[in-house]
Protein backbone atom coordinates (compact mmCIF):
# COMPACT_ATOMS: atom_id res chain seq x y z
CA MET A 1 22.43 2.38 -21.87
CA GLY A 2 19.00 2.51 -22.02
CA SER A 3 16.30 5.97 -21.89
CA PHE A 4 14.79 7.29 -18.42
CA ASP A 5 18.13 5.37 -16.60
CA LYS A 6 20.24 8.89 -15.36
CA MET A 7 18.40 9.67 -11.79
CA SER A 8 21.42 11.21 -9.72
CA VAL A 9 23.85 12.57 -12.00
CA TRP A 10 23.05 13.82 -15.38
CA PRO A 11 24.11 16.68 -18.35
CA VAL A 12 21.35 19.39 -18.52
CA GLY A 13 20.42 18.84 -21.55
CA TYR A 14 18.68 14.82 -20.05
CA PHE A 15 16.67 16.92 -18.00
CA ARG A 16 15.00 19.29 -20.60
CA ALA A 17 14.51 15.57 -22.42
CA PHE A 18 12.90 14.73 -19.78
CA SER A 19 10.66 17.24 -18.17
CA SER A 20 9.32 17.79 -21.72
CA TRP A 21 8.61 14.63 -22.24
CA LEU A 22 6.45 13.67 -18.96
CA LEU A 23 4.99 17.06 -19.25
CA ARG A 24 3.63 16.26 -22.58
CA ASN A 25 2.83 12.85 -21.41
CA ARG A 26 -0.04 15.15 -18.95
CA LYS A 27 -2.31 14.43 -21.62
CA THR A 28 -3.06 10.75 -21.35
CA VAL A 29 -3.67 11.30 -17.37
CA SER A 30 -7.47 11.68 -17.48
CA ALA A 31 -7.32 8.99 -19.66
CA ARG A 32 -5.86 6.74 -17.62
CA LEU A 33 -7.29 7.09 -14.78
CA ALA A 34 -10.64 6.55 -16.69
CA THR A 35 -9.22 3.72 -17.25
CA ILE A 36 -8.15 2.91 -13.68
CA ASN A 37 -12.15 3.60 -12.08
CA ALA A 38 -13.11 1.19 -14.72
CA GLU A 39 -10.65 -1.54 -13.61
CA ILE A 40 -11.15 -1.16 -10.35
CA VAL A 41 -15.02 -2.05 -10.99
CA ARG A 42 -14.16 -5.11 -12.97
CA ILE A 43 -12.51 -6.36 -10.10
CA GLY A 44 -14.98 -5.20 -7.32
CA SER A 45 -14.39 -6.04 -3.65
CA ILE A 46 -14.72 -8.70 -0.85
CA LYS A 47 -15.86 -7.22 2.66
CA VAL A 48 -15.91 -9.59 5.64
CA ASP A 49 -18.31 -9.18 8.93
CA TYR A 50 -17.03 -9.44 12.27
CA LEU A 51 -18.84 -10.01 15.12
CA PRO A 52 -19.39 -6.36 17.47
CA VAL A 53 -18.54 -5.71 20.97
CA GLU A 54 -19.85 -2.57 23.09
CA THR A 55 -17.08 -1.46 25.08
CA GLU A 56 -16.88 2.65 26.47
CA GLU A 57 -14.72 3.30 24.16
CA GLY A 58 -17.04 2.52 21.52
CA THR A 59 -17.93 -0.83 19.04
CA ARG A 60 -15.36 -2.78 19.22
CA ARG A 61 -14.62 -5.91 16.73
CA THR A 62 -13.75 -9.60 17.85
CA GLU A 63 -12.15 -12.21 15.12
CA GLU A 64 -15.36 -14.35 15.07
CA ARG A 65 -16.04 -13.89 11.09
CA THR A 66 -20.27 -13.62 10.49
CA GLY A 67 -20.58 -13.42 6.85
CA ILE A 68 -18.49 -12.53 4.03
CA SER A 69 -19.75 -10.66 0.33
CA VAL A 70 -18.56 -10.20 -2.96
CA THR A 71 -19.56 -7.44 -5.56
CA THR A 72 -22.10 -8.99 -7.88
CA GLY A 73 -20.74 -10.01 -10.67
CA SER A 74 -17.40 -9.46 -10.28
CA SER A 75 -14.18 -10.90 -11.20
CA LEU A 76 -13.92 -11.27 -7.46
CA GLN A 77 -16.86 -13.27 -7.37
CA ARG A 78 -16.16 -15.53 -10.59
CA LEU A 79 -13.21 -16.65 -8.37
CA LEU A 80 -14.94 -17.44 -4.82
CA GLN A 81 -17.21 -19.43 -7.03
CA ALA A 82 -14.66 -21.37 -8.49
CA TYR A 83 -12.51 -21.40 -4.86
CA ILE A 84 -16.45 -22.36 -3.27
CA ALA A 85 -16.81 -25.25 -5.98
CA ARG A 86 -13.68 -26.87 -5.15
CA GLY A 87 -14.71 -27.04 -0.85
CA GLY A 88 -12.48 -23.98 -0.83
CA ASN A 89 -13.99 -21.97 2.48
CA PRO A 90 -13.47 -18.22 1.97
CA LEU A 91 -13.25 -17.39 5.12
CA ASP A 92 -9.85 -18.80 5.44
CA ILE A 93 -8.27 -17.36 2.75
CA SER A 94 -7.49 -13.45 4.50
CA PRO A 95 -9.35 -11.38 6.60
CA PHE A 96 -10.04 -8.84 4.03
CA MET A 97 -9.44 -6.45 6.09
CA SER A 98 -9.20 -2.50 6.01
CA PRO A 99 -7.33 0.20 7.20
CA ASP A 100 -9.46 3.23 6.93
CA CYS A 101 -13.20 1.81 8.11
CA VAL A 102 -13.39 3.59 11.29
CA GLU A 103 -15.91 6.04 12.41
CA VAL A 104 -14.88 8.25 15.08
CA LEU A 105 -17.27 9.45 17.13
CA GLU A 106 -16.21 11.65 19.78
CA LYS A 107 -12.45 13.44 20.39
CA ASP A 108 -11.36 14.63 23.34
CA ALA A 109 -10.20 18.61 23.65
CA ASP A 110 -6.86 17.38 22.02
CA GLY A 111 -8.40 16.02 18.89
CA GLU A 112 -7.52 12.49 19.67
CA PRO A 113 -10.25 9.49 18.94
CA THR A 114 -11.77 8.68 22.85
CA LYS A 115 -14.57 7.00 20.70
CA THR A 116 -14.81 4.83 17.40
CA THR A 117 -16.70 2.21 15.78
CA GLU A 118 -14.67 -0.03 14.17
CA ARG A 119 -15.43 -1.68 11.16
CA TYR A 120 -12.29 -4.44 10.69
CA PRO A 121 -10.56 -6.41 14.19
CA TYR A 122 -8.08 -3.91 15.40
CA GLY A 123 -8.67 -1.00 13.49
CA GLY A 124 -8.47 -3.12 10.17
CA VAL A 125 -4.36 -3.31 11.27
CA TYR A 126 -2.14 -6.28 12.58
CA ALA A 127 0.27 -4.88 13.98
CA PRO A 128 2.78 -5.79 16.50
CA VAL A 129 2.00 -5.90 20.51
CA SER A 130 3.91 -3.46 22.23
CA ALA A 131 4.84 -4.43 26.24
CA ASN A 132 7.13 -3.60 29.41
CA PRO A 133 9.85 -6.40 29.66
CA ASN A 134 9.66 -5.46 33.76
CA GLU A 135 5.60 -5.17 34.31
CA PRO A 136 4.16 -8.45 35.11
CA LEU A 137 1.84 -9.70 32.07
CA GLN A 138 -2.29 -9.24 32.70
CA GLY A 139 -3.69 -11.67 31.14
CA GLY A 140 -2.54 -15.06 30.62
CA PRO A 141 -2.12 -18.66 31.30
CA ASN A 142 0.43 -16.73 33.99
CA LYS A 143 -1.47 -13.98 35.22
CA GLU A 144 -1.26 -14.30 38.33
CA THR A 145 2.82 -15.26 38.81
CA GLY A 146 3.93 -12.39 35.83
CA TYR A 147 5.69 -15.05 35.08
CA GLY A 148 5.55 -16.71 31.24
CA PRO A 149 7.04 -16.00 27.31
CA PHE A 150 7.70 -12.09 26.78
CA PRO A 151 4.58 -10.93 24.48
CA GLY A 152 6.79 -7.70 23.03
CA GLY A 153 6.79 -8.55 19.08
CA PHE A 154 4.11 -10.36 19.22
CA ILE A 155 0.87 -10.05 16.04
CA GLN A 156 -2.55 -9.31 17.84
CA SER A 157 -4.58 -11.66 15.91
CA ASP A 158 -5.61 -14.63 16.14
CA SER A 159 -3.81 -16.54 13.92
CA TYR A 160 -0.12 -16.00 14.77
CA PHE A 161 0.46 -18.72 16.50
CA PRO A 162 2.72 -18.18 19.00
CA ALA A 163 1.55 -15.98 21.23
CA ARG A 164 -0.90 -18.31 21.94
CA ARG A 165 1.40 -21.38 22.35
CA GLY A 166 3.25 -19.36 24.31
CA GLY A 167 6.91 -18.55 22.39
CA ARG A 168 8.03 -18.40 19.10
CA GLY A 169 10.89 -21.78 19.15
CA GLN A 170 10.19 -24.71 17.00
CA SER A 171 8.17 -27.26 18.42
CA PRO A 172 10.22 -30.54 19.69
CA VAL A 173 8.19 -32.92 17.65
CA ALA A 174 8.56 -30.70 14.21
CA ASP A 175 9.64 -33.26 11.96
CA GLU A 176 7.82 -36.20 13.44
CA THR A 177 4.67 -33.55 12.95
CA VAL A 178 5.87 -33.35 9.21
CA LYS A 179 6.68 -36.14 8.37
CA MET A 180 3.00 -37.44 9.53
CA MET A 181 0.97 -34.38 7.35
CA HIS A 182 3.08 -35.06 4.37
CA GLN A 183 2.43 -38.14 4.09
CA ILE A 184 -1.66 -37.97 5.33
CA ARG A 185 -1.74 -35.26 3.19
CA GLY A 186 0.92 -36.54 0.11
CA TRP A 187 -2.31 -38.11 -2.35
CA ALA A 188 -3.48 -34.73 -2.84
CA ASN A 189 -1.30 -32.19 -3.11
CA GLN A 190 -2.32 -31.24 -6.79
CA ASP A 191 -5.26 -30.53 -5.41
CA ILE A 192 -5.06 -28.98 -2.54
CA ALA A 193 -1.92 -26.45 -5.49
CA ASP A 194 -5.73 -25.91 -7.26
CA LEU A 195 -7.15 -24.79 -4.30
CA GLN A 196 -3.95 -22.77 -3.23
CA ASN A 197 -3.70 -21.08 -7.11
CA LEU A 198 -7.35 -19.71 -6.61
CA GLU A 199 -6.47 -17.99 -2.92
CA TRP A 200 -3.74 -16.27 -4.42
CA GLN A 201 -6.19 -14.90 -7.17
CA ILE A 202 -7.74 -13.37 -5.25
CA ILE A 203 -5.45 -12.40 -2.85
CA LYS A 204 -3.42 -10.71 -5.82
CA LEU A 205 -6.47 -8.97 -7.66
CA CYS A 206 -7.26 -7.47 -3.98
CA ASP A 207 -3.88 -6.87 -4.61
CA LEU A 208 -4.51 -4.79 -7.72
CA LYS A 209 -6.57 -2.49 -6.54
CA GLU A 210 -5.53 -1.54 -4.09
CA GLN A 211 -2.53 -0.50 -5.44
CA LEU A 212 -4.86 1.21 -8.20
CA LEU A 213 -7.01 3.04 -5.56
CA GLN A 214 -3.67 4.44 -4.67
CA GLU A 215 -2.72 5.38 -7.97
CA GLN A 216 -6.00 7.14 -8.12
CA ASN A 217 -6.43 8.97 -4.69
CA ASP A 218 -2.62 9.04 -3.98
CA VAL A 219 -0.17 9.17 -6.71
CA LEU A 220 -1.76 11.41 -9.53
CA ILE A 221 -3.52 13.83 -7.23
CA GLN A 222 -0.27 14.67 -5.38
CA ALA A 223 1.43 14.86 -8.98
CA PHE A 224 -1.51 16.96 -10.56
CA GLY A 225 -4.87 17.39 -8.62
CA GLY A 226 -5.95 20.90 -9.92
CA VAL A 227 -4.05 21.12 -12.95
CA LEU A 228 -5.69 18.37 -14.63
CA THR A 229 -9.47 17.71 -15.77
CA GLY A 230 -10.05 14.60 -13.46
CA THR A 231 -7.64 14.61 -11.05
CA GLY A 232 -10.08 16.61 -8.87
CA SER A 233 -9.11 19.86 -6.25
CA LEU A 234 -5.84 19.31 -4.78
CA ASP A 235 -6.47 19.24 -0.53
CA ASP A 236 -3.27 21.41 0.78
CA SER A 237 -4.24 19.23 4.13
CA ARG A 238 -3.43 16.46 2.66
CA PHE A 239 -0.65 16.91 -0.25
CA ASP A 240 2.16 18.90 -0.13
CA PRO A 241 1.85 21.62 -3.45
CA THR A 242 5.37 21.60 -3.63
CA LEU A 243 5.57 18.60 -4.98
CA GLN A 244 3.30 18.23 -7.60
CA VAL A 245 5.27 17.69 -11.49
CA GLN A 246 5.35 21.11 -12.89
CA VAL A 247 6.75 22.75 -9.91
CA LEU A 248 9.44 20.28 -8.98
CA VAL A 249 10.03 20.58 -12.88
CA ASN A 250 10.46 24.49 -12.93
CA ASP A 251 12.63 23.99 -9.34
CA ILE A 252 15.00 22.28 -11.31
CA ASP A 253 14.64 24.38 -13.86
CA ARG A 254 15.14 27.78 -12.13
CA ILE A 255 18.48 25.96 -11.40
CA LEU A 256 19.71 24.64 -14.41
CA TYR A 257 19.21 27.40 -16.18
CA GLU A 258 19.66 31.35 -17.11
CA THR A 259 17.12 32.74 -15.87
CA SER A 260 15.26 36.37 -16.68
CA PRO A 261 14.85 38.29 -12.61
CA GLU A 262 11.69 37.76 -12.49
CA GLY A 263 13.05 33.27 -12.03
CA THR A 264 11.31 32.22 -15.38
CA VAL A 265 14.01 30.47 -17.96
CA ILE A 266 15.38 31.90 -20.57
CA GLY A 267 16.66 30.48 -23.79
CA TYR A 268 17.51 27.38 -22.30
CA LYS A 269 21.00 27.64 -22.03
CA ALA A 270 22.27 25.84 -19.16
CA ASN A 271 24.29 28.91 -16.81
CA GLU A 272 27.06 29.86 -15.36
CA ASN A 273 26.58 28.25 -11.66
CA VAL A 274 26.38 24.31 -13.67
CA ALA A 275 30.21 24.48 -13.35
CA PHE A 276 30.15 24.22 -9.55
CA LEU A 277 26.90 21.72 -8.81
CA GLN A 278 28.10 18.17 -8.32
CA PHE A 279 24.78 16.38 -9.80
CA THR A 280 24.95 18.05 -13.48
CA PHE A 281 26.26 19.27 -16.07
CA ALA A 282 26.56 20.68 -19.13
CA ASP A 283 26.26 18.65 -22.42
CA LEU A 284 28.47 17.17 -24.98
CA PRO A 285 28.22 17.22 -28.98
CA SER A 286 27.84 12.76 -28.56
CA GLU A 287 24.48 12.99 -26.15
CA ASN A 288 22.56 15.25 -28.70
CA ARG A 289 21.36 12.24 -30.24
CA ASP A 290 17.64 11.57 -29.55
CA PRO A 291 15.11 13.73 -27.48
CA LEU A 292 16.14 11.81 -24.40
CA GLY A 293 19.79 12.89 -24.77
CA CYS A 294 20.94 8.49 -24.54
């Protein structure tokens, strides 16, 4: 068995070696944050502009796209240039929305936003529509009678075709349509594949940046915020101090090992209650052959 493969049950010595390795490895976090930040800058960002509409609740954005911009000199810029050179329309790749770009202008007495400014449609999130099946439809081609397809679960997006064609059912002429489309585009399949490959590279690079931002702003801050250089302070309103790595390690150490009256671990000797714990047990001599006991 490999190292770091023990999760639900393990000998007490394994946890000591495991936690010791992790805590020693904290020295790489600052350099890791610098690398992440440099990678985020290298990737760049794409921003799509949407047509604004003023309402009583503030500025809303329609799905009508009015422009697109990309960070100069970035990897995304080079990919977009290659995509456009092949005849692709960058506005067809993705909406490139972000859910954390809503500005709250006014709040009610309960602190709920009453007036906001959106940068992206629907606040930057595509979500299923909620609807009561016992109430008549308020819009669409059947709004006068109230009859029509139940919209519950439809995605609130112009690109969600079932909502626009009246349901999720398959077209009665689907087979014939597919055959014709295949015949029309068959000669250009390789060119289409090359264009789609560029689309996926752009999307995957945007996904990578999102993952890096989460690691930088969430994962590492929750693990070591306020403890290591570069992580900044820990915002107690956003993160739980009891879930920091060193706190969790200390909590488990006090369960596994003998402690002083003050609660400090002494000697890393398994305490007398280990035999009653269901997730851990004492070490055997055969397990003491390398730092991780495996």
